[in-house]
PDB file of N, CA and C in Angstrom:
ATOM      1  N   UNK A   1     102.931  82.990  84.944  1.00  0.00           N
ATOM      2  CA  UNK A   1     103.269  84.171  84.163  1.00  0.00           C
ATOM      3  C   UNK A   1     102.018  84.975  83.824  1.00  0.00           C
ATOM      4  N   UNK A   2     100.955  84.292  83.393  1.00  0.00           N
ATOM      5  CA  UNK A   2      99.707  84.969  83.060  1.00  0.00           C
ATOM      6  C   UNK A   2      99.122  85.645  84.293  1.00  0.00           C
ATOM      7  N   UNK A   3      99.158  84.932  85.426  1.00  0.00           N
ATOM      8  CA  UNK A   3      98.622  85.492  86.670  1.00  0.00           C
ATOM      9  C   UNK A   3      99.362  86.765  87.049  1.00  0.00           C
ATOM     10  N   UNK A   4     100.686  86.749  86.914  1.00  0.00           N
ATOM     11  CA  UNK A   4     101.483  87.923  87.268  1.00  0.00           C
ATOM     12  C   UNK A   4     101.183  89.111  86.364  1.00  0.00           C
ATOM     13  N   UNK A   5     100.975  88.875  85.068  1.00  0.00           N
ATOM     14  CA  UNK A   5     100.698  89.992  84.168  1.00  0.00           C
ATOM     15  C   UNK A   5      99.322  90.585  84.426  1.00  0.00           C
ATOM     16  N   UNK A   6      98.346  89.741  84.731  1.00  0.00           N
ATOM     17  CA  UNK A   6      96.996  90.241  85.024  1.00  0.00           C
ATOM     18  C   UNK A   6      96.992  91.017  86.327  1.00  0.00           C
ATOM     19  N   UNK A   7      97.620  90.484  87.349  1.00  0.00           N
ATOM     20  CA  UNK A   7      97.657  91.204  88.623  1.00  0.00           C
ATOM     21  C   UNK A   7      98.495  92.473  88.505  1.00  0.00           C
ATOM     22  N   UNK A   8      99.498  92.465  87.648  1.00  0.00           N
ATOM     23  CA  UNK A   8     100.287  93.678  87.420  1.00  0.00           C
ATOM     24  C   UNK A   8      99.434  94.790  86.830  1.00  0.00           C
ATOM     25  N   UNK A   9      98.585  94.443  85.874  1.00  0.00           N
ATOM     26  CA  UNK A   9      97.678  95.419  85.271  1.00  0.00           C
ATOM     27  C   UNK A   9      96.728  95.959  86.332  1.00  0.00           C
ATOM     28  N   UNK A  10      96.151  95.072  87.117  1.00  0.00           N
ATOM     29  CA  UNK A  10      95.198  95.500  88.136  1.00  0.00           C
ATOM     30  C   UNK A  10      95.884  96.318  89.236  1.00  0.00           C
ATOM     31  N   UNK A  11      97.116  95.941  89.578  1.00  0.00           N
ATOM     32  CA  UNK A  11      97.864  96.700  90.582  1.00  0.00           C
ATOM     33  C   UNK A  11      98.114  98.124  90.098  1.00  0.00           C
ATOM     34  N   UNK A  12      98.527  98.262  88.849  1.00  0.00           N
ATOM     35  CA  UNK A  12      98.774  99.591  88.280  1.00  0.00           C
ATOM     36  C   UNK A  12      97.471 100.391  88.223  1.00  0.00           C
ATOM     37  N   UNK A  13      96.391  99.746  87.815  1.00  0.00           N
ATOM     38  CA  UNK A  13      95.107 100.437  87.727  1.00  0.00           C
ATOM     39  C   UNK A  13      94.630 100.895  89.107  1.00  0.00           C
ATOM     40  N   UNK A  14      94.810 100.059  90.129  1.00  0.00           N
ATOM     41  CA  UNK A  14      94.427 100.447  91.493  1.00  0.00           C
ATOM     42  C   UNK A  14      95.273 101.617  91.988  1.00  0.00           C
ATOM     43  N   UNK A  15      96.564 101.609  91.688  1.00  0.00           N
ATOM     44  CA  UNK A  15      97.432 102.722  92.075  1.00  0.00           C
ATOM     45  C   UNK A  15      96.965 104.030  91.437  1.00  0.00           C
ATOM     46  N   UNK A  16      96.685 103.981  90.143  1.00  0.00           N
ATOM     47  CA  UNK A  16      96.223 105.178  89.445  1.00  0.00           C
ATOM     48  C   UNK A  16      94.864 105.634  89.962  1.00  0.00           C
ATOM     49  N   UNK A  17      94.004 104.676  90.256  1.00  0.00           N
ATOM     50  CA  UNK A  17      92.684 104.988  90.788  1.00  0.00           C
ATOM     51  C   UNK A  17      92.810 105.708  92.125  1.00  0.00           C
ATOM     52  N   UNK A  18      93.719 105.259  92.973  1.00  0.00           N
ATOM     53  CA  UNK A  18      93.928 105.893  94.274  1.00  0.00           C
ATOM     54  C   UNK A  18      94.453 107.319  94.104  1.00  0.00           C
ATOM     55  N   UNK A  19      95.402 107.503  93.193  1.00  0.00           N
ATOM     56  CA  UNK A  19      95.946 108.839  92.934  1.00  0.00           C
ATOM     57  C   UNK A  19      94.844 109.762  92.422  1.00  0.00           C
ATOM     58  N   UNK A  20      94.018 109.247  91.523  1.00  0.00           N
ATOM     59  CA  UNK A  20      92.923 110.058  90.974  1.00  0.00           C
ATOM     60  C   UNK A  20      91.924 110.429  92.060  1.00  0.00           C
ATOM     61  N   UNK A  21      91.657 109.514  92.983  1.00  0.00           N
ATOM     62  CA  UNK A  21      90.740 109.800  94.077  1.00  0.00           C
ATOM     63  C   UNK A  21      91.288 110.949  94.940  1.00  0.00           C
ATOM     64  N   UNK A  22      92.592 110.939  95.179  1.00  0.00           N
ATOM     65  CA  UNK A  22      93.211 112.008  95.961  1.00  0.00           C
ATOM     66  C   UNK A  22      93.078 113.357  95.248  1.00  0.00           C
ATOM     67  N   UNK A  23      93.268 113.367  93.931  1.00  0.00           N
ATOM     68  CA  UNK A  23      93.148 114.605  93.170  1.00  0.00           C
ATOM     69  C   UNK A  23      91.715 115.133  93.175  1.00  0.00           C
ATOM     70  N   UNK A  24      90.752 114.238  93.005  1.00  0.00           N
ATOM     71  CA  UNK A  24      89.349 114.652  93.017  1.00  0.00           C
ATOM     72  C   UNK A  24      88.978 115.217  94.384  1.00  0.00           C
ATOM     73  N   UNK A  25      89.417 114.544  95.438  1.00  0.00           N
ATOM     74  CA  UNK A  25      89.140 115.037  96.795  1.00  0.00           C
ATOM     75  C   UNK A  25      89.770 116.407  97.012  1.00  0.00           C
ATOM     76  N   UNK A  26      90.975 116.595  96.502  1.00  0.00           N
ATOM     77  CA  UNK A  26      91.653 117.888  96.610  1.00  0.00           C
ATOM     78  C   UNK A  26      90.897 118.968  95.839  1.00  0.00           C
ATOM     79  N   UNK A  27      90.388 118.609  94.661  1.00  0.00           N
ATOM     80  CA  UNK A  27      89.593 119.563  93.880  1.00  0.00           C
ATOM     81  C   UNK A  27      88.343 119.982  94.649  1.00  0.00           C
ATOM     82  N   UNK A  28      87.660 119.018  95.248  1.00  0.00           N
ATOM     83  CA  UNK A  28      86.449 119.314  96.017  1.00  0.00           C
ATOM     84  C   UNK A  28      86.781 120.200  97.217  1.00  0.00           C
ATOM     85  N   UNK A  29      87.882 119.906  97.880  1.00  0.00           N
ATOM     86  CA  UNK A  29      88.278 120.695  99.052  1.00  0.00           C
ATOM     87  C   UNK A  29      88.625 122.136  98.672  1.00  0.00           C
ATOM     88  N   UNK A  30      89.036 122.355  97.440  1.00  0.00           N
ATOM     89  CA  UNK A  30      89.450 123.685  97.004  1.00  0.00           C
ATOM     90  C   UNK A  30      88.423 124.367  96.099  1.00  0.00           C
ATOM     91  N   UNK A  31      87.180 123.951  96.190  1.00  0.00           N
ATOM     92  CA  UNK A  31      86.143 124.506  95.325  1.00  0.00           C
ATOM     93  C   UNK A  31      85.966 126.006  95.516  1.00  0.00           C
ATOM     94  N   UNK A  32      86.265 126.524  96.697  1.00  0.00           N
ATOM     95  CA  UNK A  32      86.112 127.954  96.973  1.00  0.00           C
ATOM     96  C   UNK A  32      87.437 128.707  97.038  1.00  0.00           C
ATOM     97  N   UNK A  33      88.517 128.069  96.652  1.00  0.00           N
ATOM     98  CA  UNK A  33      89.833 128.714  96.685  1.00  0.00           C
ATOM     99  C   UNK A  33      90.026 129.548  95.419  1.00  0.00           C
ATOM    100  N   UNK A  34      90.250 130.853  95.564  1.00  0.00           N
ATOM    101  CA  UNK A  34      90.446 131.704  94.385  1.00  0.00           C
ATOM    102  C   UNK A  34      91.640 131.246  93.550  1.00  0.00           C
ATOM    103  N   UNK A  35      91.464 131.268  92.249  1.00  0.00           N
ATOM    104  CA  UNK A  35      92.485 130.929  91.252  1.00  0.00           C
ATOM    105  C   UNK A  35      92.978 129.487  91.320  1.00  0.00           C
ATOM    106  N   UNK A  36      92.263 128.616  92.047  1.00  0.00           N
ATOM    107  CA  UNK A  36      92.655 127.200  92.086  1.00  0.00           C
ATOM    108  C   UNK A  36      92.316 126.568  90.742  1.00  0.00           C
ATOM    109  N   UNK A  37      93.224 125.780  90.208  1.00  0.00           N
ATOM    110  CA  UNK A  37      93.032 125.100  88.930  1.00  0.00           C
ATOM    111  C   UNK A  37      92.816 123.613  89.176  1.00  0.00           C
ATOM    112  N   UNK A  38      91.756 123.104  88.631  1.00  0.00           N
ATOM    113  CA  UNK A  38      91.388 121.702  88.767  1.00  0.00           C
ATOM    114  C   UNK A  38      92.510 120.803  88.253  1.00  0.00           C
ATOM    115  N   UNK A  39      92.795 119.722  89.006  1.00  0.00           N
ATOM    116  CA  UNK A  39      93.815 118.755  88.592  1.00  0.00           C
ATOM    117  C   UNK A  39      93.175 117.387  88.425  1.00  0.00           C
ATOM    118  N   UNK A  40      93.710 116.625  87.505  1.00  0.00           N
ATOM    119  CA  UNK A  40      93.255 115.264  87.261  1.00  0.00           C
ATOM    120  C   UNK A  40      94.412 114.511  86.609  1.00  0.00           C
ATOM    121  N   UNK A  41      94.187 113.254  86.324  1.00  0.00           N
ATOM    122  CA  UNK A  41      95.155 112.487  85.545  1.00  0.00           C
ATOM    123  C   UNK A  41      94.439 111.914  84.342  1.00  0.00           C
ATOM    124  N   UNK A  42      95.192 111.674  83.305  1.00  0.00           N
ATOM    125  CA  UNK A  42      94.669 110.961  82.142  1.00  0.00           C
ATOM    126  C   UNK A  42      94.847 109.484  82.457  1.00  0.00           C
ATOM    127  N   UNK A  43      93.785 108.867  82.991  1.00  0.00           N
ATOM    128  CA  UNK A  43      93.859 107.505  83.502  1.00  0.00           C
ATOM    129  C   UNK A  43      94.327 106.518  82.432  1.00  0.00           C
ATOM    130  N   UNK A  44      93.732 106.594  81.275  1.00  0.00           N
ATOM    131  CA  UNK A  44      94.038 105.640  80.202  1.00  0.00           C
ATOM    132  C   UNK A  44      95.502 105.761  79.756  1.00  0.00           C
ATOM    133  N   UNK A  45      95.943 106.976  79.469  1.00  0.00           N
ATOM    134  CA  UNK A  45      97.336 107.181  79.041  1.00  0.00           C
ATOM    135  C   UNK A  45      98.314 106.782  80.134  1.00  0.00           C
ATOM    136  N   UNK A  46      97.979 107.128  81.387  1.00  0.00           N
ATOM    137  CA  UNK A  46      98.866 106.794  82.500  1.00  0.00           C
ATOM    138  C   UNK A  46      98.977 105.288  82.693  1.00  0.00           C
ATOM    139  N   UNK A  47      97.857 104.579  82.522  1.00  0.00           N
ATOM    140  CA  UNK A  47      97.874 103.124  82.672  1.00  0.00           C
ATOM    141  C   UNK A  47      98.703 102.480  81.559  1.00  0.00           C
ATOM    142  N   UNK A  48      98.495 102.919  80.319  1.00  0.00           N
ATOM    143  CA  UNK A  48      99.290 102.372  79.217  1.00  0.00           C
ATOM    144  C   UNK A  48     100.773 102.654  79.412  1.00  0.00           C
ATOM    145  N   UNK A  49     101.101 103.851  79.887  1.00  0.00           N
ATOM    146  CA  UNK A  49     102.494 104.209  80.137  1.00  0.00           C
ATOM    147  C   UNK A  49     103.089 103.322  81.232  1.00  0.00           C
ATOM    148  N   UNK A  50     102.335 103.112  82.306  1.00  0.00           N
ATOM    149  CA  UNK A  50     102.810 102.270  83.406  1.00  0.00           C
ATOM    150  C   UNK A  50     103.003 100.827  82.941  1.00  0.00           C
ATOM    151  N   UNK A  51     102.118 100.340  82.104  1.00  0.00           N
ATOM    152  CA  UNK A  51     102.239  98.967  81.605  1.00  0.00           C
ATOM    153  C   UNK A  51     103.415  98.826  80.651  1.00  0.00           C
ATOM    154  N   UNK A  52     103.673  99.855  79.824  1.00  0.00           N
ATOM    155  CA  UNK A  52     104.839  99.837  78.942  1.00  0.00           C
ATOM    156  C   UNK A  52     106.122  99.824  79.753  1.00  0.00           C
ATOM    157  N   UNK A  53     106.181 100.641  80.801  1.00  0.00           N
ATOM    158  CA  UNK A  53     107.370 100.673  81.659  1.00  0.00           C
ATOM    159  C   UNK A  53     107.568  99.347  82.365  1.00  0.00           C
ATOM    160  N   UNK A  54     106.472  98.712  82.769  1.00  0.00           N
ATOM    161  CA  UNK A  54     106.566  97.418  83.440  1.00  0.00           C
ATOM    162  C   UNK A  54     107.087  96.360  82.484  1.00  0.00           C
ATOM    163  N   UNK A  55     106.618  96.377  81.240  1.00  0.00           N
ATOM    164  CA  UNK A  55     107.060  95.355  80.294  1.00  0.00           C
ATOM    165  C   UNK A  55     108.525  95.543  79.915  1.00  0.00           C
ATOM    166  N   UNK A  56     108.995  96.792  79.914  1.00  0.00           N
ATOM    167  CA  UNK A  56     110.392  97.059  79.581  1.00  0.00           C
ATOM    168  C   UNK A  56     111.304  96.660  80.738  1.00  0.00           C
ATOM    169  N   UNK A  57     110.935  97.044  81.959  1.00  0.00           N
ATOM    170  CA  UNK A  57     111.809  96.802  83.107  1.00  0.00           C
ATOM    171  C   UNK A  57     111.536  95.483  83.809  1.00  0.00           C
ATOM    172  N   UNK A  58     110.302  94.982  83.697  1.00  0.00           N
ATOM    173  CA  UNK A  58     109.876  93.774  84.416  1.00  0.00           C
ATOM    174  C   UNK A  58     110.061  93.919  85.925  1.00  0.00           C
ATOM    175  N   UNK A  59     110.050  95.169  86.402  1.00  0.00           N
ATOM    176  CA  UNK A  59     110.235  95.396  87.841  1.00  0.00           C
ATOM    177  C   UNK A  59     108.986  95.018  88.600  1.00  0.00           C
ATOM    178  N   UNK A  60     107.849  95.473  88.149  1.00  0.00           N
ATOM    179  CA  UNK A  60     106.598  95.106  88.788  1.00  0.00           C
ATOM    180  C   UNK A  60     106.285  95.855  90.068  1.00  0.00           C
ATOM    181  N   UNK A  61     107.245  96.480  90.711  1.00  0.00           N
ATOM    182  CA  UNK A  61     106.977  97.183  91.961  1.00  0.00           C
ATOM    183  C   UNK A  61     107.296  98.673  91.882  1.00  0.00           C
ATOM    184  N   UNK A  62     107.700  99.163  90.738  1.00  0.00           N
ATOM    185  CA  UNK A  62     107.988 100.592  90.606  1.00  0.00           C
ATOM    186  C   UNK A  62     106.713 101.394  90.794  1.00  0.00           C
ATOM    187  N   UNK A  63     106.877 102.588  91.343  1.00  0.00           N
ATOM    188  CA  UNK A  63     105.735 103.468  91.541  1.00  0.00           C
ATOM    189  C   UNK A  63     105.192 103.940  90.189  1.00  0.00           C
ATOM    190  N   UNK A  64     103.896 104.088  90.117  1.00  0.00           N
ATOM    191  CA  UNK A  64     103.245 104.563  88.908  1.00  0.00           C
ATOM    192  C   UNK A  64     103.468 106.066  88.802  1.00  0.00           C
ATOM    193  N   UNK A  65     103.804 106.516  87.597  1.00  0.00           N
ATOM    194  CA  UNK A  65     104.012 107.944  87.354  1.00  0.00           C
ATOM    195  C   UNK A  65     102.903 108.434  86.423  1.00  0.00           C
ATOM    196  N   UNK A  66     101.835 108.986  86.997  1.00  0.00           N
ATOM    197  CA  UNK A  66     100.701 109.393  86.166  1.00  0.00           C
ATOM    198  C   UNK A  66     100.978 110.663  85.374  1.00  0.00           C
ATOM    199  N   UNK A  67     100.188 110.838  84.327  1.00  0.00           N
ATOM    200  CA  UNK A  67     100.246 112.061  83.536  1.00  0.00           C
ATOM    201  C   UNK A  67      99.197 113.013  84.097  1.00  0.00           C
ATOM    202  N   UNK A  68      99.658 114.070  84.778  1.00  0.00           N
ATOM    203  CA  UNK A  68      98.749 115.034  85.394  1.00  0.00           C
ATOM    204  C   UNK A  68      98.212 116.000  84.353  1.00  0.00           C
ATOM    205  N   UNK A  69      96.961 116.392  84.552  1.00  0.00           N
ATOM    206  CA  UNK A  69      96.307 117.356  83.680  1.00  0.00           C
ATOM    207  C   UNK A  69      95.782 118.483  84.561  1.00  0.00           C
ATOM    208  N   UNK A  70      96.201 119.712  84.264  1.00  0.00           N
ATOM    209  CA  UNK A  70      95.729 120.884  85.004  1.00  0.00           C
ATOM    210  C   UNK A  70      94.791 121.654  84.090  1.00  0.00           C
ATOM    211  N   UNK A  71      93.584 121.910  84.577  1.00  0.00           N
ATOM    212  CA  UNK A  71      92.583 122.634  83.793  1.00  0.00           C
ATOM    213  C   UNK A  71      92.731 124.124  84.026  1.00  0.00           C
ATOM    214  N   UNK A  72      93.572 124.773  83.227  1.00  0.00           N
ATOM    215  CA  UNK A  72      93.763 126.205  83.417  1.00  0.00           C
ATOM    216  C   UNK A  72      92.958 127.041  82.431  1.00  0.00           C
ATOM    217  N   UNK A  73      92.323 126.392  81.469  1.00  0.00           N
ATOM    218  CA  UNK A  73      91.558 127.150  80.487  1.00  0.00           C
ATOM    219  C   UNK A  73      90.075 127.260  80.846  1.00  0.00           C
ATOM    220  N   UNK A  74      89.599 126.457  81.794  1.00  0.00           N
ATOM    221  CA  UNK A  74      88.194 126.482  82.188  1.00  0.00           C
ATOM    222  C   UNK A  74      88.033 127.228  83.503  1.00  0.00           C
ATOM    223  N   UNK A  75      87.223 128.253  83.491  1.00  0.00           N
ATOM    224  CA  UNK A  75      86.957 128.992  84.712  1.00  0.00           C
ATOM    225  C   UNK A  75      85.453 128.967  84.949  1.00  0.00           C
ATOM    226  N   UNK A  76      85.052 128.437  86.100  1.00  0.00           N
ATOM    227  CA  UNK A  76      83.630 128.319  86.409  1.00  0.00           C
ATOM    228  C   UNK A  76      83.159 129.395  87.370  1.00  0.00           C
ATOM    229  N   UNK A  77      84.076 130.103  87.998  1.00  0.00           N
ATOM    230  CA  UNK A  77      83.728 131.137  88.963  1.00  0.00           C
ATOM    231  C   UNK A  77      84.421 132.437  88.596  1.00  0.00           C
ATOM    232  N   UNK A  78      83.910 133.546  89.124  1.00  0.00           N
ATOM    233  CA  UNK A  78      84.518 134.853  88.867  1.00  0.00           C
ATOM    234  C   UNK A  78      85.889 134.986  89.509  1.00  0.00           C
ATOM    235  N   UNK A  79      86.194 134.154  90.492  1.00  0.00           N
ATOM    236  CA  UNK A  79      87.482 134.258  91.196  1.00  0.00           C
ATOM    237  C   UNK A  79      88.595 133.460  90.517  1.00  0.00           C
ATOM    238  N   UNK A  80      88.362 132.924  89.331  1.00  0.00           N
ATOM    239  CA  UNK A  80      89.383 132.195  88.590  1.00  0.00           C
ATOM    240  C   UNK A  80      89.479 130.716  88.922  1.00  0.00           C
ATOM    241  N   UNK A  81      88.606 130.216  89.763  1.00  0.00           N
ATOM    242  CA  UNK A  81      88.595 128.803  90.159  1.00  0.00           C
ATOM    243  C   UNK A  81      87.992 127.977  89.020  1.00  0.00           C
ATOM    244  N   UNK A  82      88.619 126.857  88.689  1.00  0.00           N
ATOM    245  CA  UNK A  82      88.132 126.031  87.573  1.00  0.00           C
ATOM    246  C   UNK A  82      87.452 124.746  88.028  1.00  0.00           C
ATOM    247  N   UNK A  83      87.060 124.657  89.307  1.00  0.00           N
ATOM    248  CA  UNK A  83      86.414 123.454  89.830  1.00  0.00           C
ATOM    249  C   UNK A  83      84.908 123.566  89.681  1.00  0.00           C
ATOM    250  N   UNK A  84      84.311 122.572  89.028  1.00  0.00           N
ATOM    251  CA  UNK A  84      82.860 122.445  88.933  1.00  0.00           C
ATOM    252  C   UNK A  84      82.468 121.338  89.902  1.00  0.00           C
ATOM    253  N   UNK A  85      81.840 121.707  91.011  1.00  0.00           N
ATOM    254  CA  UNK A  85      81.570 120.748  92.084  1.00  0.00           C
ATOM    255  C   UNK A  85      80.704 119.591  91.605  1.00  0.00           C
ATOM    256  N   UNK A  86      79.761 119.838  90.736  1.00  0.00           N
ATOM    257  CA  UNK A  86      78.899 118.765  90.232  1.00  0.00           C
ATOM    258  C   UNK A  86      79.697 117.755  89.410  1.00  0.00           C
ATOM    259  N   UNK A  87      80.597 118.269  88.592  1.00  0.00           N
ATOM    260  CA  UNK A  87      81.449 117.379  87.796  1.00  0.00           C
ATOM    261  C   UNK A  87      82.367 116.570  88.707  1.00  0.00           C
ATOM    262  N   UNK A  88      82.925 117.211  89.726  1.00  0.00           N
ATOM    263  CA  UNK A  88      83.823 116.511  90.651  1.00  0.00           C
ATOM    264  C   UNK A  88      83.092 115.402  91.404  1.00  0.00           C
ATOM    265  N   UNK A  89      81.872 115.674  91.837  1.00  0.00           N
ATOM    266  CA  UNK A  89      81.100 114.662  92.558  1.00  0.00           C
ATOM    267  C   UNK A  89      80.788 113.479  91.634  1.00  0.00           C
ATOM    268  N   UNK A  90      80.468 113.775  90.378  1.00  0.00           N
ATOM    269  CA  UNK A  90      80.212 112.702  89.410  1.00  0.00           C
ATOM    270  C   UNK A  90      81.484 111.895  89.152  1.00  0.00           C
ATOM    271  N   UNK A  91      82.624 112.583  89.001  1.00  0.00           N
ATOM    272  CA  UNK A  91      83.905 111.897  88.785  1.00  0.00           C
ATOM    273  C   UNK A  91      84.275 111.041  89.994  1.00  0.00           C
ATOM    274  N   UNK A  92      83.974 111.541  91.185  1.00  0.00           N
ATOM    275  CA  UNK A  92      84.258 110.783  92.395  1.00  0.00           C
ATOM    276  C   UNK A  92      83.419 109.502  92.444  1.00  0.00           C
ATOM    277  N   UNK A  93      82.162 109.587  92.041  1.00  0.00           N
ATOM    278  CA  UNK A  93      81.297 108.405  92.013  1.00  0.00           C
ATOM    279  C   UNK A  93      81.803 107.376  91.003  1.00  0.00           C
ATOM    280  N   UNK A  94      82.189 107.836  89.837  1.00  0.00           N
ATOM    281  CA  UNK A  94      82.725 106.934  88.804  1.00  0.00           C
ATOM    282  C   UNK A  94      84.014 106.284  89.289  1.00  0.00           C
ATOM    283  N   UNK A  95      84.873 107.073  89.897  1.00  0.00           N
ATOM    284  CA  UNK A  95      86.145 106.564  90.396  1.00  0.00           C
ATOM    285  C   UNK A  95      85.933 105.520  91.489  1.00  0.00           C
ATOM    286  N   UNK A  96      84.960 105.752  92.363  1.00  0.00           N
ATOM    287  CA  UNK A  96      84.652 104.790  93.429  1.00  0.00           C
ATOM    288  C   UNK A  96      84.132 103.479  92.860  1.00  0.00           C
ATOM    289  N   UNK A  97      83.279 103.565  91.845  1.00  0.00           N
ATOM    290  CA  UNK A  97      82.778 102.348  91.196  1.00  0.00           C
ATOM    291  C   UNK A  97      83.912 101.590  90.495  1.00  0.00           C
ATOM    292  N   UNK A  98      84.797 102.324  89.881  1.00  0.00           N
ATOM    293  CA  UNK A  98      85.941 101.705  89.212  1.00  0.00           C
ATOM    294  C   UNK A  98      86.837 101.001  90.231  1.00  0.00           C
ATOM    295  N   UNK A  99      87.038 101.625  91.373  1.00  0.00           N
ATOM    296  CA  UNK A  99      87.841 101.013  92.433  1.00  0.00           C
ATOM    297  C   UNK A  99      87.184  99.728  92.929  1.00  0.00           C
ATOM    298  N   UNK A 100      85.873  99.774  93.134  1.00  0.00           N
ATOM    299  CA  UNK A 100      85.141  98.587  93.584  1.00  0.00           C
ATOM    300  C   UNK A 100      85.266  97.457  92.560  1.00  0.00           C
ATOM    301  N   UNK A 101      85.183  97.785  91.280  1.00  0.00           N
ATOM    302  CA  UNK A 101      85.334  96.777  90.233  1.00  0.00           C
ATOM    303  C   UNK A 101      86.736  96.181  90.244  1.00  0.00           C
ATOM    304  N   UNK A 102      87.745  97.036  90.345  1.00  0.00           N
ATOM    305  CA  UNK A 102      89.124  96.545  90.347  1.00  0.00           C
ATOM    306  C   UNK A 102      89.408  95.659  91.552  1.00  0.00           C
ATOM    307  N   UNK A 103      88.922  96.052  92.723  1.00  0.00           N
ATOM    308  CA  UNK A 103      89.150  95.207  93.901  1.00  0.00           C
ATOM    309  C   UNK A 103      88.400  93.888  93.766  1.00  0.00           C
ATOM    310  N   UNK A 104      87.251  93.901  93.154  1.00  0.00           N
ATOM    311  CA  UNK A 104      86.504  92.657  92.926  1.00  0.00           C
ATOM    312  C   UNK A 104      87.266  91.749  91.962  1.00  0.00           C
ATOM    313  N   UNK A 105      87.837  92.332  90.920  1.00  0.00           N
ATOM    314  CA  UNK A 105      88.618  91.542  89.962  1.00  0.00           C
ATOM    315  C   UNK A 105      89.839  90.911  90.622  1.00  0.00           C
ATOM    316  N   UNK A 106      90.521  91.677  91.473  1.00  0.00           N
ATOM    317  CA  UNK A 106      91.680  91.135  92.188  1.00  0.00           C
ATOM    318  C   UNK A 106      91.244  89.995  93.100  1.00  0.00           C
ATOM    319  N   UNK A 107      90.144  90.189  93.799  1.00  0.00           N
ATOM    320  CA  UNK A 107      89.623  89.160  94.690  1.00  0.00           C
ATOM    321  C   UNK A 107      89.258  87.889  93.911  1.00  0.00           C
ATOM    322  N   UNK A 108      88.591  88.064  92.786  1.00  0.00           N
ATOM    323  CA  UNK A 108      88.229  86.909  91.953  1.00  0.00           C
ATOM    324  C   UNK A 108      89.467  86.191  91.426  1.00  0.00           C
ATOM    325  N   UNK A 109      90.472  86.970  91.033  1.00  0.00           N
ATOM    326  CA  UNK A 109      91.721  86.386  90.521  1.00  0.00           C
ATOM    327  C   UNK A 109      92.398  85.543  91.603  1.00  0.00           C
ATOM    328  N   UNK A 110      92.441  86.077  92.826  1.00  0.00           N
ATOM    329  CA  UNK A 110      93.032  85.321  93.929  1.00  0.00           C
ATOM    330  C   UNK A 110      92.195  84.089  94.272  1.00  0.00           C
ATOM    331  N   UNK A 111      90.875  84.205  94.153  1.00  0.00           N
ATOM    332  CA  UNK A 111      90.003  83.055  94.373  1.00  0.00           C
ATOM    333  C   UNK A 111      90.255  81.942  93.369  1.00  0.00           C
ATOM    334  N   UNK A 112      90.470  82.330  92.105  1.00  0.00           N
ATOM    335  CA  UNK A 112      90.771  81.313  91.085  1.00  0.00           C
ATOM    336  C   UNK A 112      92.103  80.641  91.369  1.00  0.00           C
ATOM    337  N   UNK A 113      93.082  81.399  91.808  1.00  0.00           N
ATOM    338  CA  UNK A 113      94.381  80.825  92.154  1.00  0.00           C
ATOM    339  C   UNK A 113      94.237  79.862  93.332  1.00  0.00           C
ATOM    340  N   UNK A 114      93.468  80.254  94.325  1.00  0.00           N
ATOM    341  CA  UNK A 114      93.227  79.392  95.482  1.00  0.00           C
ATOM    342  C   UNK A 114      92.546  78.091  95.065  1.00  0.00           C
ATOM    343  N   UNK A 115      91.561  78.188  94.173  1.00  0.00           N
ATOM    344  CA  UNK A 115      90.877  76.993  93.669  1.00  0.00           C
ATOM    345  C   UNK A 115      91.832  76.094  92.908  1.00  0.00           C
ATOM    346  N   UNK A 116      92.672  76.685  92.072  1.00  0.00           N
ATOM    347  CA  UNK A 116      93.629  75.886  91.300  1.00  0.00           C
ATOM    348  C   UNK A 116      94.602  75.160  92.225  1.00  0.00           C
ATOM    349  N   UNK A 117      95.028  75.828  93.289  1.00  0.00           N
ATOM    350  CA  UNK A 117      95.960  75.209  94.222  1.00  0.00           C
ATOM    351  C   UNK A 117      95.280  74.083  94.991  1.00  0.00           C
ATOM    352  N   UNK A 118      94.071  74.351  95.487  1.00  0.00           N
ATOM    353  CA  UNK A 118      93.386  73.338  96.297  1.00  0.00           C
ATOM    354  C   UNK A 118      92.917  72.163  95.451  1.00  0.00           C
ATOM    355  N   UNK A 119      92.512  72.387  94.225  1.00  0.00           N
ATOM    356  CA  UNK A 119      92.090  71.291  93.353  1.00  0.00           C
ATOM    357  C   UNK A 119      93.292  70.495  92.843  1.00  0.00           C
ATOM    358  N   UNK A 120      94.438  71.128  92.766  1.00  0.00           N
ATOM    359  CA  UNK A 120      95.639  70.436  92.307  1.00  0.00           C
ATOM    360  C   UNK A 120      96.148  69.399  93.311  1.00  0.00           C
ATOM    361  N   UNK A 121      95.743  69.534  94.556  1.00  0.00           N
ATOM    362  CA  UNK A 121      96.170  68.581  95.588  1.00  0.00           C
ATOM    363  C   UNK A 121      95.399  67.272  95.509  1.00  0.00           C
ATOM    364  N   UNK A 122      94.288  67.269  94.868  1.00  0.00           N
ATOM    365  CA  UNK A 122      93.450  66.060  94.833  1.00  0.00           C
ATOM    366  C   UNK A 122      93.947  65.030  93.892  1.00  0.00           C
TER     367      UNK A 122
END
């Protein structure tokens, strides 16, 4: 039960991380698009929401529904575009590090399970 709840949290976090990576990449691709508004997700709120839904339904495989945030009040260019390329590159680096950490945690969790199974046979 504990293993399933921990992996459920990490699974939801990895899903949100992937969605956020797609949004950041889209923002970077549209840095020169007139009137484009930067998009992101509120990672923390989306993760808590996904975990609450999981605990209520106990489904464990439902798709994560993130809370999208559109930056329509910030304009960095004269053409109405709200993408700051330096901020996006920094966010992309942070997101990549977070993904690496989450995949490492999942790997370690599976390693502990493997050890418990193999040591239990002795």
